[in-house]
C-alpha atoms as a PDB file:
ATOM      1  CA  MET A   1       0.000   0.000   0.000  1.00  0.00           C
ATOM      2  CA  MET A   2       1.245   3.491  -0.858  1.00  0.00           C
ATOM      3  CA  ARG A   3       0.984   6.370   1.604  1.00  0.00           C
ATOM      4  CA  SER A   4      -0.165   9.822   0.479  1.00  0.00           C
ATOM      5  CA  PHE A   5       3.282  11.188   1.399  1.00  0.00           C
ATOM      6  CA  ASP A   6       4.881   8.741  -1.053  1.00  0.00           C
ATOM      7  CA  LEU A   7       2.520   9.841  -3.822  1.00  0.00           C
ATOM      8  CA  ARG A   8       3.360  13.511  -3.236  1.00  0.00           C
ATOM      9  CA  GLN A   9       7.089  12.841  -3.735  1.00  0.00           C
ATOM     10  CA  LYS A  10       6.602  11.698  -7.345  1.00  0.00           C
ATOM     11  CA  LYS A  11       6.777  13.934 -10.419  1.00  0.00           C
ATOM     12  CA  VAL A  12       3.533  14.203 -12.392  1.00  0.00           C
ATOM     13  CA  ILE A  13       3.904  13.882 -16.178  1.00  0.00           C
ATOM     14  CA  ASP A  14       1.219  14.540 -18.809  1.00  0.00           C
ATOM     15  CA  VAL A  15       1.336  11.539 -21.166  1.00  0.00           C
ATOM     16  CA  GLU A  16       0.054  13.536 -24.170  1.00  0.00           C
ATOM     17  CA  THR A  17       2.645  16.344 -24.014  1.00  0.00           C
ATOM     18  CA  ALA A  18       5.406  14.673 -21.974  1.00  0.00           C
ATOM     19  CA  GLU A  19       5.303  17.859 -19.864  1.00  0.00           C
ATOM     20  CA  LEU A  20       6.346  17.861 -16.239  1.00  0.00           C
ATOM     21  CA  MET A  21       3.293  19.218 -14.455  1.00  0.00           C
ATOM     22  CA  GLY A  22       4.817  19.321 -10.970  1.00  0.00           C
ATOM     23  CA  TYR A  23       4.056  17.427  -7.784  1.00  0.00           C
ATOM     24  CA  ILE A  24       0.745  16.485  -6.201  1.00  0.00           C
ATOM     25  CA  ARG A  25      -0.196  19.070  -3.584  1.00  0.00           C
ATOM     26  CA  ASP A  26      -3.620  17.889  -2.525  1.00  0.00           C
ATOM     27  CA  MET A  27      -5.946  14.905  -2.880  1.00  0.00           C
ATOM     28  CA  ASP A  28      -9.737  14.699  -2.763  1.00  0.00           C
ATOM     29  CA  ILE A  29     -10.572  11.475  -0.946  1.00  0.00           C
ATOM     30  CA  ASP A  30     -13.932   9.773  -0.542  1.00  0.00           C
ATOM     31  CA  PHE A  31     -13.724   8.849   3.142  1.00  0.00           C
ATOM     32  CA  GLU A  32     -16.591   6.360   2.914  1.00  0.00           C
ATOM     33  CA  THR A  33     -14.770   4.196   0.367  1.00  0.00           C
ATOM     34  CA  GLY A  34     -11.182   5.294   1.066  1.00  0.00           C
ATOM     35  CA  ARG A  35     -10.637   5.986  -2.640  1.00  0.00           C
ATOM     36  CA  ILE A  36      -8.932   9.010  -4.157  1.00  0.00           C
ATOM     37  CA  LYS A  37     -11.331  11.039  -6.327  1.00  0.00           C
ATOM     38  CA  SER A  38      -8.845  13.561  -7.743  1.00  0.00           C
ATOM     39  CA  VAL A  39      -5.406  15.093  -7.256  1.00  0.00           C
ATOM     40  CA  THR A  40      -4.402  18.753  -7.398  1.00  0.00           C
ATOM     41  CA  ILE A  41      -1.129  19.926  -8.899  1.00  0.00           C
ATOM     42  CA  PRO A  42      -0.002  23.546  -8.479  1.00  0.00           C
ATOM     43  CA  HIS A  43       0.809  25.389 -11.706  1.00  0.00           C
ATOM     44  CA  ARG A  44       4.527  25.646 -12.319  1.00  0.00           C
ATOM     45  CA  GLY A  45       5.139  29.358 -12.760  1.00  0.00           C
ATOM     46  CA  PHE A  46       8.439  31.198 -12.431  1.00  0.00           C
ATOM     47  CA  TRP A  47       9.338  29.904  -8.943  1.00  0.00           C
ATOM     48  CA  GLY A  48       5.644  30.124  -8.092  1.00  0.00           C
ATOM     49  CA  PHE A  49       5.730  33.643  -6.650  1.00  0.00           C
ATOM     50  CA  LEU A  50       5.712  36.042  -9.603  1.00  0.00           C
ATOM     51  CA  LYS A  51       2.322  34.927 -10.876  1.00  0.00           C
ATOM     52  CA  LYS A  52      -0.874  34.196  -9.050  1.00  0.00           C
ATOM     53  CA  SER A  53      -0.723  30.496  -8.329  1.00  0.00           C
ATOM     54  CA  LYS A  54      -3.147  28.339 -10.306  1.00  0.00           C
ATOM     55  CA  SER A  55      -3.718  24.664  -9.872  1.00  0.00           C
ATOM     56  CA  VAL A  56      -4.738  21.791 -12.107  1.00  0.00           C
ATOM     57  CA  THR A  57      -7.148  19.193 -10.744  1.00  0.00           C
ATOM     58  CA  VAL A  58      -6.890  15.774 -12.363  1.00  0.00           C
ATOM     59  CA  PRO A  59      -9.642  13.192 -11.785  1.00  0.00           C
ATOM     60  CA  TRP A  60      -8.238   9.928 -10.444  1.00  0.00           C
ATOM     61  CA  ASN A  61      -9.570   8.036 -13.477  1.00  0.00           C
ATOM     62  CA  LYS A  62      -7.112  10.075 -15.594  1.00  0.00           C
ATOM     63  CA  VAL A  63      -4.126   8.645 -13.699  1.00  0.00           C
ATOM     64  CA  ILE A  64      -2.635   6.097 -16.092  1.00  0.00           C
ATOM     65  CA  ALA A  65       0.300   4.722 -14.112  1.00  0.00           C
ATOM     66  CA  ILE A  66       2.243   5.200 -10.898  1.00  0.00           C
ATOM     67  CA  GLY A  67       5.904   4.294 -11.043  1.00  0.00           C
ATOM     68  CA  SER A  68       8.801   4.534  -8.630  1.00  0.00           C
ATOM     69  CA  GLU A  69       9.509   8.182  -9.570  1.00  0.00           C
ATOM     70  CA  PHE A  70       6.596   9.378 -11.723  1.00  0.00           C
ATOM     71  CA  VAL A  71       2.817   9.573 -11.878  1.00  0.00           C
ATOM     72  CA  ILE A  72       1.609   9.517 -15.492  1.00  0.00           C
ATOM     73  CA  VAL A  73      -1.694  11.308 -16.190  1.00  0.00           C
ATOM     74  CA  LYS A  74      -3.829  12.179 -19.171  1.00  0.00           C
ATOM     75  CA  LYS A  75      -5.283  15.671 -18.679  1.00  0.00           C
END
């Protein structure tokens, strides 16, 4: 079983563009079932402080694979 901390340490890659999206910042979890509904990745701006921070929310069904270093998603 993987802990949420372990998931947040992995780089998130968009499979369609091969773009590094960043790291998972937050997860929406259904506490009745214990399943993850979506993950939130902060927008990678210039060090994150020159622009207003935006985030991308990816539904869990768009997560294609979880490897030892990467999470592959399809936006």
